[in-house]
Amino acid sequence: MQGKLIVVLLFTTATFAQSWKTGTIVKWEVKAYSQSAHITRNRVVYSVKIDKTVYQITRNRDKDEIATGQQVECRLEKTHFFVRDDRGREIKYEVVGIGPTD
């Protein structure tokens, strides 16, 4: 599964990198997330819809920062997803999943 994610990310990155798009937060949820076999923490995972693709993104937070239904300016760079905040700063998220819209 992770191999497919990397292939999709590399293909998508070529067309998406450095170009800002408008996405919509379709949902957020708190999930157990682990970067290693021994440490699991709760993280907020956002589902961001852009065109016909939904990206699941997270960062090192357990509280929501973006509301469902909110539109965000975003861009994808390798395995990272950047969202512009209200002040124009880029907030870095990690892509943890990609899939088609339902």
Protein backbone atom coordinates (compact mmCIF):
# COMPACT_ATOMS: atom_id res chain seq x y z
CA MET A 1 0.00 0.00 0.00
CA GLN A 2 2.77 2.43 0.91
CA GLY A 3 4.54 1.69 -2.39
CA LYS A 4 1.39 2.65 -4.32
CA LEU A 5 1.17 5.87 -2.29
CA ILE A 6 4.73 6.81 -3.25
CA VAL A 7 4.11 6.11 -6.95
CA VAL A 8 0.93 8.19 -6.90
CA LEU A 9 2.70 10.98 -5.01
CA LEU A 10 5.56 11.09 -7.53
CA PHE A 11 3.16 11.18 -10.48
CA THR A 12 0.93 13.78 -8.84
CA THR A 13 3.87 15.90 -7.72
CA ALA A 14 4.96 16.48 -11.30
CA THR A 15 1.69 18.21 -12.14
CA PHE A 16 0.87 19.71 -8.75
CA ALA A 17 4.19 20.91 -7.30
CA GLN A 18 4.70 24.62 -6.82
CA SER A 19 1.25 25.46 -8.17
CA TRP A 20 -1.24 26.62 -5.58
CA LYS A 21 -4.69 25.05 -5.78
CA THR A 22 -7.88 25.60 -3.84
CA GLY A 23 -8.98 22.61 -1.80
CA THR A 24 -11.90 21.94 0.52
CA ILE A 25 -11.65 20.25 3.90
CA VAL A 26 -14.26 17.49 3.60
CA LYS A 27 -13.68 16.05 7.08
CA TRP A 28 -11.24 15.76 9.92
CA GLU A 29 -10.85 13.09 12.54
CA VAL A 30 -8.50 12.18 15.36
CA LYS A 31 -6.65 8.96 14.55
CA ALA A 32 -3.93 6.95 16.20
CA TYR A 33 -0.86 7.59 14.09
CA SER A 34 2.58 6.01 14.32
CA GLN A 35 5.85 6.84 12.63
CA SER A 36 7.64 4.03 14.44
CA ALA A 37 6.68 0.63 15.76
CA HIS A 38 6.88 1.69 19.41
CA ILE A 39 5.27 5.12 19.57
CA THR A 40 1.65 5.83 18.69
CA ARG A 41 0.02 9.19 19.22
CA ASN A 42 -3.31 10.75 18.38
CA ARG A 43 -3.18 13.10 15.41
CA VAL A 44 -5.79 15.13 13.59
CA VAL A 45 -6.04 13.83 10.02
CA TYR A 46 -7.70 16.14 7.50
CA SER A 47 -9.24 15.00 4.22
CA VAL A 48 -8.69 17.70 1.59
CA LYS A 49 -10.55 17.44 -1.73
CA ILE A 50 -8.88 18.92 -4.79
CA ASP A 51 -10.61 18.24 -8.09
CA LYS A 52 -11.29 14.47 -8.06
CA THR A 53 -8.68 13.52 -5.46
CA VAL A 54 -8.81 13.44 -1.66
CA TYR A 55 -5.54 13.87 0.23
CA GLN A 56 -5.30 12.80 3.86
CA ILE A 57 -2.86 15.06 5.66
CA THR A 58 -1.61 15.44 9.22
CA ARG A 59 0.95 17.28 11.30
CA ASN A 60 2.19 17.02 14.85
CA ARG A 61 -1.04 18.21 16.48
CA ASP A 62 -3.93 16.53 18.27
CA LYS A 63 -6.35 19.49 18.02
CA ASP A 64 -8.16 20.63 14.89
CA GLU A 65 -7.01 23.84 13.23
CA ILE A 66 -9.13 23.84 10.08
CA ALA A 67 -12.92 23.52 9.96
CA THR A 68 -14.85 21.08 7.79
CA GLY A 69 -16.09 22.85 4.67
CA GLN A 70 -13.33 25.45 4.80
CA GLN A 71 -11.55 26.22 1.55
CA VAL A 72 -7.76 26.35 1.70
CA GLU A 73 -4.96 27.33 -0.64
CA CYS A 74 -2.57 24.41 -0.86
CA ARG A 75 0.22 22.78 -2.80
CA LEU A 76 1.94 19.38 -2.84
CA GLU A 77 5.71 18.95 -2.78
CA LYS A 78 7.04 15.39 -2.69
CA THR A 79 5.40 13.81 0.40
CA HIS A 80 4.51 17.13 2.01
CA PHE A 81 1.37 19.19 1.66
CA PHE A 82 1.49 22.93 2.33
CA VAL A 83 -1.52 25.01 3.37
CA ARG A 84 -1.52 28.80 3.51
CA ASP A 85 -2.92 30.21 6.72
CA ASP A 86 -4.80 33.51 7.17
CA ARG A 87 -1.50 35.41 7.39
CA GLY A 88 -0.13 33.90 4.18
CA ARG A 89 2.35 31.59 5.96
CA GLU A 90 2.85 28.06 4.69
CA ILE A 91 1.93 25.33 7.18
CA LYS A 92 3.61 22.00 6.41
CA TYR A 93 1.61 18.76 6.64
CA GLU A 94 2.55 15.17 5.89
CA VAL A 95 0.55 13.25 3.30
CA VAL A 96 -0.65 9.97 4.84
CA GLY A 97 -3.12 8.89 2.17
CA ILE A 98 -4.44 9.65 -1.31
CA GLY A 99 -7.61 8.40 -2.93
CA PRO A 100 -10.34 9.26 -5.40
CA THR A 101 -13.43 11.14 -4.28
CA ASP A 102 -16.42 9.03 -3.35
